[in-house]
Amino acid sequence: MGKETGPTVRLAYGNSPPERNGTSGLEGPTVRLAVCPHSETGGANSVEHHLDGCGLADARATRPALLVSYVYLAPFLKNRHRYAYRDWVLDSGAFSAHNSGIEIKLQSYIDRCKELMETDETLSEVFALDVIGDWRASIKNCEEMWRQGVEAIPCYHVGEPVAELKAMAKDYPKIALGGCVGFRQKLKFAEQCFARVWPKAIHGFGFGAEKDVMALPWHSVDATNWEIGPCKFGRWNSFGKMSVRGSKQNLRAEVEWYLDLEKRARQKWTAQMKEIKASGLTLRLAEANANSDE
């Protein structure tokens, strides 16, 4: 961790929009649909025809929550007026950028985050910019984002020191678990992390499968299979295995299936979400008392 004077616990700013830190606003767990529009005109994975006019009720709470990668931010912002969504979070897209040979400048990411936070009330959370393969550099980035006023959520990855997981959970109001692509024991990894830091608000990158959502009291997860499953492989949660596939499918039934999954998860984990909220309040009171004694 970076050298600081005084406590290193990051607390949610008092004027933060609801759920921007994962510490207030809508109840959890939240199941976010990861959207990946590949160009400003849409493309094979465009969500325009999936979310727009999907027949969902007008109330924001009945619309899906989204996760958007910084790599795909431009096409999302250009086309989002066509989407029906509740709110969205910004992921740095470090993994996608790394695999594509794209470099994301930390200051550029911070500046864009600050601009969006000031102008878009539907942006509820921001994830820190990871440095793939270097957890020290990743946490340094997160510290710098907080220093400049962006309440970023850090991510703990498979294979990183356990001590860093505990330090991260101590220092930040919400953390994420990731780095599980291709890792067959990812649920066991998540269970071990929960056991070490509970109660804690935790996001699960790529933990949007039903068995994962219902296995642990996540504060939030994101799912990519809502689109990739049916469009690429013909695997529908709502209908089962079908021969129907292709990018132009109407995914209204899949969106509603994930909204129902979110509802079931909230019913199952109600007590645990209250426990997370209570632990956050206790942390704030303890910090306030420490400051008053200085």
Protein backbone atom coordinates (compact mmCIF):
# COMPACT_ATOMS: atom_id res chain seq x y z
CA MET A 1 0.00 0.00 0.00
CA GLY A 2 1.11 3.60 -0.49
CA LYS A 3 2.62 5.55 2.39
CA GLU A 4 0.05 7.75 4.12
CA THR A 5 -0.29 9.57 7.38
CA GLY A 6 -3.25 8.63 9.51
CA PRO A 7 -5.89 6.01 8.71
CA THR A 8 -5.95 4.48 5.24
CA VAL A 9 -9.62 3.50 5.32
CA ARG A 10 -11.47 5.07 2.37
CA LEU A 11 -14.99 6.16 3.21
CA ALA A 12 -17.78 7.06 0.81
CA TYR A 13 -18.01 10.78 0.17
CA GLY A 14 -21.10 12.35 1.70
CA ASN A 15 -22.29 13.82 -1.60
CA SER A 16 -21.85 10.63 -3.63
CA PRO A 17 -24.76 9.69 -5.90
CA PRO A 18 -26.62 6.56 -4.75
CA GLU A 19 -24.68 3.31 -5.12
CA ARG A 20 -21.59 5.04 -6.54
CA ASN A 21 -19.50 3.29 -3.88
CA GLY A 22 -21.69 0.26 -3.45
CA THR A 23 -22.53 1.56 0.02
CA SER A 24 -25.96 3.12 -0.49
CA GLY A 25 -28.90 3.27 -2.86
CA LEU A 26 -30.43 0.17 -4.43
CA GLU A 27 -30.37 -3.03 -2.40
CA GLY A 28 -28.05 -5.81 -3.48
CA PRO A 29 -27.21 -8.15 -4.96
CA THR A 30 -27.13 -6.49 -8.38
CA VAL A 31 -26.73 -8.63 -11.50
CA ARG A 32 -25.22 -6.45 -14.22
CA LEU A 33 -25.32 -7.23 -17.92
CA ALA A 34 -21.91 -6.64 -19.50
CA VAL A 35 -22.33 -4.84 -22.82
CA CYS A 36 -19.69 -4.89 -25.54
CA PRO A 37 -20.61 -2.76 -28.57
CA HIS A 38 -17.55 -3.02 -30.83
CA SER A 39 -18.05 0.12 -32.91
CA GLU A 40 -19.96 3.37 -32.88
CA THR A 41 -22.47 1.87 -35.29
CA GLY A 42 -23.13 -1.19 -33.17
CA GLY A 43 -21.58 -4.34 -34.54
CA ALA A 44 -21.95 -8.05 -33.88
CA ASN A 45 -22.27 -7.61 -30.14
CA SER A 46 -24.32 -4.41 -30.13
CA VAL A 47 -26.92 -4.32 -27.36
CA GLU A 48 -29.12 -1.79 -29.16
CA HIS A 49 -31.57 -4.32 -30.52
CA HIS A 50 -31.47 -6.32 -27.28
CA LEU A 51 -32.28 -3.65 -24.70
CA ASP A 52 -34.17 -1.02 -26.64
CA GLY A 53 -37.92 -1.54 -26.70
CA CYS A 54 -37.64 -4.87 -24.90
CA GLY A 55 -41.05 -4.42 -23.31
CA LEU A 56 -39.83 -3.86 -19.78
CA ALA A 57 -41.77 -1.57 -17.46
CA ASP A 58 -40.86 2.10 -17.43
CA ALA A 59 -39.84 2.08 -13.76
CA ARG A 60 -36.04 2.14 -13.59
CA ALA A 61 -35.95 -0.61 -10.95
CA THR A 62 -37.39 -3.10 -13.45
CA ARG A 63 -34.73 -2.38 -16.08
CA PRO A 64 -31.37 -4.18 -16.14
CA ALA A 65 -28.22 -2.73 -14.63
CA LEU A 66 -25.22 -2.60 -16.98
CA LEU A 67 -21.44 -2.90 -16.85
CA VAL A 68 -19.49 -1.09 -19.59
CA SER A 69 -15.82 -1.52 -20.39
CA TYR A 70 -13.78 1.64 -20.91
CA VAL A 71 -12.56 0.05 -24.14
CA TYR A 72 -16.16 0.17 -25.46
CA LEU A 73 -17.16 3.44 -23.79
CA ALA A 74 -17.41 5.57 -26.94
CA PRO A 75 -19.96 3.39 -28.78
CA PHE A 76 -21.93 2.91 -25.58
CA LEU A 77 -22.22 6.65 -24.95
CA LYS A 78 -23.20 7.30 -28.55
CA ASN A 79 -25.97 4.70 -28.56
CA ARG A 80 -27.16 4.62 -24.95
CA HIS A 81 -30.21 6.79 -25.65
CA ARG A 82 -31.57 3.69 -27.40
CA TYR A 83 -31.08 1.44 -24.36
CA ALA A 84 -33.51 0.76 -21.52
CA TYR A 85 -31.34 0.40 -18.41
CA ARG A 86 -31.44 1.20 -14.70
CA ASP A 87 -27.89 2.36 -14.11
CA TRP A 88 -24.38 1.45 -15.20
CA VAL A 89 -20.86 0.99 -13.88
CA LEU A 90 -17.56 1.65 -15.64
CA ASP A 91 -14.90 -1.05 -15.78
CA SER A 92 -11.40 -0.05 -16.87
CA GLY A 93 -11.31 -2.82 -19.47
CA ALA A 94 -7.68 -3.53 -18.58
CA PHE A 95 -7.96 -7.23 -19.45
CA SER A 96 -9.48 -6.55 -22.89
CA ALA A 97 -6.98 -3.77 -23.54
CA HIS A 98 -4.08 -6.01 -22.54
CA ASN A 99 -5.20 -8.77 -24.89
CA SER A 100 -5.69 -6.26 -27.72
CA GLY A 101 -2.39 -4.47 -27.23
CA ILE A 102 -4.15 -1.24 -26.24
CA GLU A 103 -2.59 1.01 -23.59
CA ILE A 104 -4.89 2.87 -21.22
CA LYS A 105 -3.33 5.96 -19.65
CA LEU A 106 -4.22 6.32 -15.98
CA GLN A 107 -4.70 10.10 -16.10
CA SER A 108 -6.89 9.87 -19.18
CA TYR A 109 -9.03 7.27 -17.42
CA ILE A 110 -9.27 9.41 -14.28
CA ASP A 111 -10.21 12.52 -16.25
CA ARG A 112 -12.94 10.65 -18.13
CA CYS A 113 -14.28 9.13 -14.92
CA LYS A 114 -14.49 12.54 -13.24
CA GLU A 115 -16.26 14.04 -16.23
CA LEU A 116 -18.84 11.25 -16.31
CA MET A 117 -19.36 11.30 -12.54
CA GLU A 118 -20.14 15.00 -12.70
CA THR A 119 -22.55 14.78 -15.64
CA ASP A 120 -24.22 11.36 -15.47
CA GLU A 121 -26.30 10.39 -12.43
CA THR A 122 -26.84 6.90 -13.83
CA LEU A 123 -23.11 6.09 -13.50
CA SER A 124 -23.10 4.42 -10.09
CA GLU A 125 -19.65 2.86 -9.69
CA VAL A 126 -16.17 2.98 -11.19
CA PHE A 127 -13.58 0.21 -11.07
CA ALA A 128 -9.88 0.92 -10.70
CA LEU A 129 -7.47 0.59 -13.61
CA ASP A 130 -5.63 -2.70 -13.22
CA VAL A 131 -2.11 -3.39 -14.39
CA ILE A 132 -2.30 -6.99 -15.57
CA GLY A 133 0.20 -9.14 -13.69
CA ASP A 134 1.30 -6.41 -11.25
CA TRP A 135 -0.90 -6.09 -8.17
CA ARG A 136 1.34 -3.44 -6.61
CA ALA A 137 0.94 -1.18 -9.64
CA SER A 138 -2.81 -1.89 -9.67
CA ILE A 139 -3.33 -0.79 -6.07
CA LYS A 140 -1.13 2.25 -6.70
CA ASN A 141 -3.47 3.22 -9.53
CA CYS A 142 -6.47 2.83 -7.24
CA GLU A 143 -4.87 5.01 -4.58
CA GLU A 144 -4.19 7.71 -7.17
CA MET A 145 -7.77 7.58 -8.40
CA TRP A 146 -9.04 8.13 -4.85
CA ARG A 147 -6.52 10.94 -4.34
CA GLN A 148 -8.01 12.71 -7.36
CA GLY A 149 -11.59 12.19 -6.20
CA VAL A 150 -12.60 9.02 -8.06
CA GLU A 151 -13.86 6.45 -5.55
CA ALA A 152 -12.57 3.46 -7.50
CA ILE A 153 -13.22 -0.16 -6.58
CA PRO A 154 -10.00 -2.25 -6.52
CA CYS A 155 -9.88 -5.84 -7.77
CA TYR A 156 -8.20 -8.83 -6.14
CA HIS A 157 -7.11 -11.47 -8.66
CA VAL A 158 -6.45 -15.19 -8.54
CA GLY A 159 -2.88 -15.84 -7.43
CA GLU A 160 -2.25 -12.56 -5.64
CA PRO A 161 -1.08 -12.51 -1.98
CA VAL A 162 -3.82 -13.20 0.56
CA ALA A 163 -2.46 -10.37 2.68
CA GLU A 164 -3.31 -7.97 -0.14
CA LEU A 165 -6.93 -9.19 -0.16
CA LYS A 166 -7.22 -8.45 3.57
CA ALA A 167 -5.56 -5.05 3.22
CA MET A 168 -7.83 -4.17 0.30
CA ALA A 169 -10.94 -5.15 2.26
CA LYS A 170 -9.78 -3.04 5.20
CA ASP A 171 -8.95 0.03 3.15
CA TYR A 172 -11.85 0.26 0.67
CA PRO A 173 -15.65 0.27 1.07
CA LYS A 174 -16.10 -2.25 -1.77
CA ILE A 175 -13.75 -4.64 -3.56
CA ALA A 176 -13.95 -6.93 -6.57
CA LEU A 177 -12.76 -10.46 -7.34
CA GLY A 178 -11.43 -11.26 -10.80
CA GLY A 179 -8.79 -12.89 -12.94
CA CYS A 180 -10.85 -16.08 -13.14
CA VAL A 181 -11.08 -16.52 -16.92
CA GLY A 182 -10.33 -20.19 -17.59
CA PHE A 183 -9.92 -20.93 -13.88
CA ARG A 184 -11.96 -24.04 -13.12
CA GLN A 185 -12.03 -23.58 -9.35
CA LYS A 186 -13.19 -19.99 -9.40
CA LEU A 187 -16.14 -20.57 -7.06
CA LYS A 188 -13.84 -22.20 -4.51
CA PHE A 189 -11.51 -19.21 -4.87
CA ALA A 190 -14.43 -16.85 -4.23
CA GLU A 191 -15.59 -18.86 -1.20
CA GLN A 192 -12.13 -18.59 0.33
CA CYS A 193 -12.06 -14.84 -0.28
CA PHE A 194 -15.49 -14.37 1.32
CA ALA A 195 -14.40 -16.38 4.34
CA ARG A 196 -11.39 -14.12 4.85
CA VAL A 197 -13.06 -10.70 4.54
CA TRP A 198 -16.76 -11.12 5.33
CA PRO A 199 -18.81 -9.00 5.84
CA LYS A 200 -17.70 -7.00 2.82
CA ALA A 201 -19.36 -5.58 -0.29
CA ILE A 202 -17.84 -7.64 -3.12
CA HIS A 203 -18.29 -7.55 -6.90
CA GLY A 204 -17.65 -10.72 -8.87
CA PHE A 205 -16.21 -10.23 -12.36
CA GLY A 206 -17.59 -13.05 -14.50
CA PHE A 207 -19.64 -14.58 -11.67
CA GLY A 208 -23.02 -14.01 -13.31
CA ALA A 209 -23.96 -17.69 -13.67
CA GLU A 210 -26.95 -18.76 -11.60
CA LYS A 211 -24.94 -21.21 -9.49
CA ASP A 212 -22.42 -18.48 -8.63
CA VAL A 213 -25.02 -15.81 -7.84
CA MET A 214 -26.96 -18.13 -5.56
CA ALA A 215 -23.88 -19.63 -3.88
CA LEU A 216 -22.50 -16.48 -2.23
CA PRO A 217 -23.87 -13.11 -1.00
CA TRP A 218 -22.30 -10.95 -3.68
CA HIS A 219 -23.06 -7.25 -3.56
CA SER A 220 -22.90 -7.32 -7.37
CA VAL A 221 -21.79 -9.49 -10.27
CA ASP A 222 -21.62 -9.08 -14.04
CA ALA A 223 -22.73 -11.48 -16.74
CA THR A 224 -21.60 -11.72 -20.38
CA ASN A 225 -23.46 -14.93 -21.23
CA TRP A 226 -26.80 -13.11 -21.44
CA GLU A 227 -25.71 -12.16 -24.98
CA ILE A 228 -22.82 -14.48 -25.90
CA GLY A 229 -24.69 -17.65 -24.87
CA PRO A 230 -27.67 -17.30 -27.19
CA CYS A 231 -26.07 -15.30 -30.01
CA LYS A 232 -22.86 -17.30 -30.40
CA PHE A 233 -23.71 -20.75 -29.05
CA GLY A 234 -27.50 -20.97 -29.10
CA ARG A 235 -27.58 -21.44 -25.31
CA TRP A 236 -30.58 -19.69 -23.78
CA ASN A 237 -31.19 -19.53 -20.03
CA SER A 238 -34.84 -18.81 -20.75
CA PHE A 239 -35.40 -21.52 -23.39
CA GLY A 240 -32.53 -24.00 -23.06
CA LYS A 241 -30.36 -25.25 -25.92
CA MET A 242 -31.64 -24.05 -29.30
CA SER A 243 -30.33 -24.02 -32.84
CA VAL A 244 -31.27 -20.34 -33.11
CA ARG A 245 -28.22 -18.10 -32.90
CA GLY A 246 -26.73 -14.97 -34.46
CA SER A 247 -26.24 -11.35 -33.43
CA LYS A 248 -29.73 -10.20 -34.43
CA GLN A 249 -31.63 -12.27 -31.88
CA ASN A 250 -34.24 -10.57 -29.67
CA LEU A 251 -32.92 -11.16 -26.16
CA ARG A 252 -35.91 -9.79 -24.26
CA ALA A 253 -36.45 -13.19 -22.59
CA GLU A 254 -32.79 -13.36 -21.50
CA VAL A 255 -32.89 -9.87 -20.00
CA GLU A 256 -36.00 -10.80 -18.04
CA TRP A 257 -34.39 -14.07 -16.94
CA TYR A 258 -31.46 -12.17 -15.41
CA LEU A 259 -33.82 -9.69 -13.77
CA ASP A 260 -35.60 -12.66 -12.19
CA LEU A 261 -32.25 -14.11 -11.08
CA GLU A 262 -31.45 -10.79 -9.44
CA LYS A 263 -34.83 -10.83 -7.68
CA ARG A 264 -34.27 -14.36 -6.38
CA ALA A 265 -30.77 -13.48 -5.17
CA ARG A 266 -32.10 -10.45 -3.30
CA GLN A 267 -34.71 -12.59 -1.61
CA LYS A 268 -32.10 -15.16 -0.58
CA TRP A 269 -29.42 -12.75 0.61
CA THR A 270 -31.54 -10.07 2.33
CA ALA A 271 -30.02 -10.67 5.77
CA GLN A 272 -26.46 -10.71 4.40
CA MET A 273 -26.97 -7.40 2.56
CA LYS A 274 -28.14 -5.85 5.81
CA GLU A 275 -25.02 -7.23 7.49
CA ILE A 276 -22.82 -5.58 4.85
CA LYS A 277 -24.63 -2.28 5.29
CA ALA A 278 -24.32 -2.47 9.08
CA SER A 279 -20.60 -3.21 8.90
CA GLY A 280 -20.10 -0.17 6.68
CA LEU A 281 -21.94 2.04 9.15
CA THR A 282 -19.84 0.70 12.04
CA LEU A 283 -16.68 1.46 10.06
CA ARG A 284 -17.78 5.06 9.44
CA LEU A 285 -18.64 5.60 13.11
CA ALA A 286 -15.28 4.19 14.20
CA GLU A 287 -13.46 6.45 11.77
CA ALA A 288 -15.45 9.49 12.89
CA ASN A 289 -14.61 8.76 16.54
CA ALA A 290 -10.92 8.33 15.68
CA ASN A 291 -10.88 11.69 13.91
CA SER A 292 -12.62 13.44 16.82
CA ASP A 293 -9.93 12.21 19.22
CA GLU A 294 -7.08 13.65 17.17
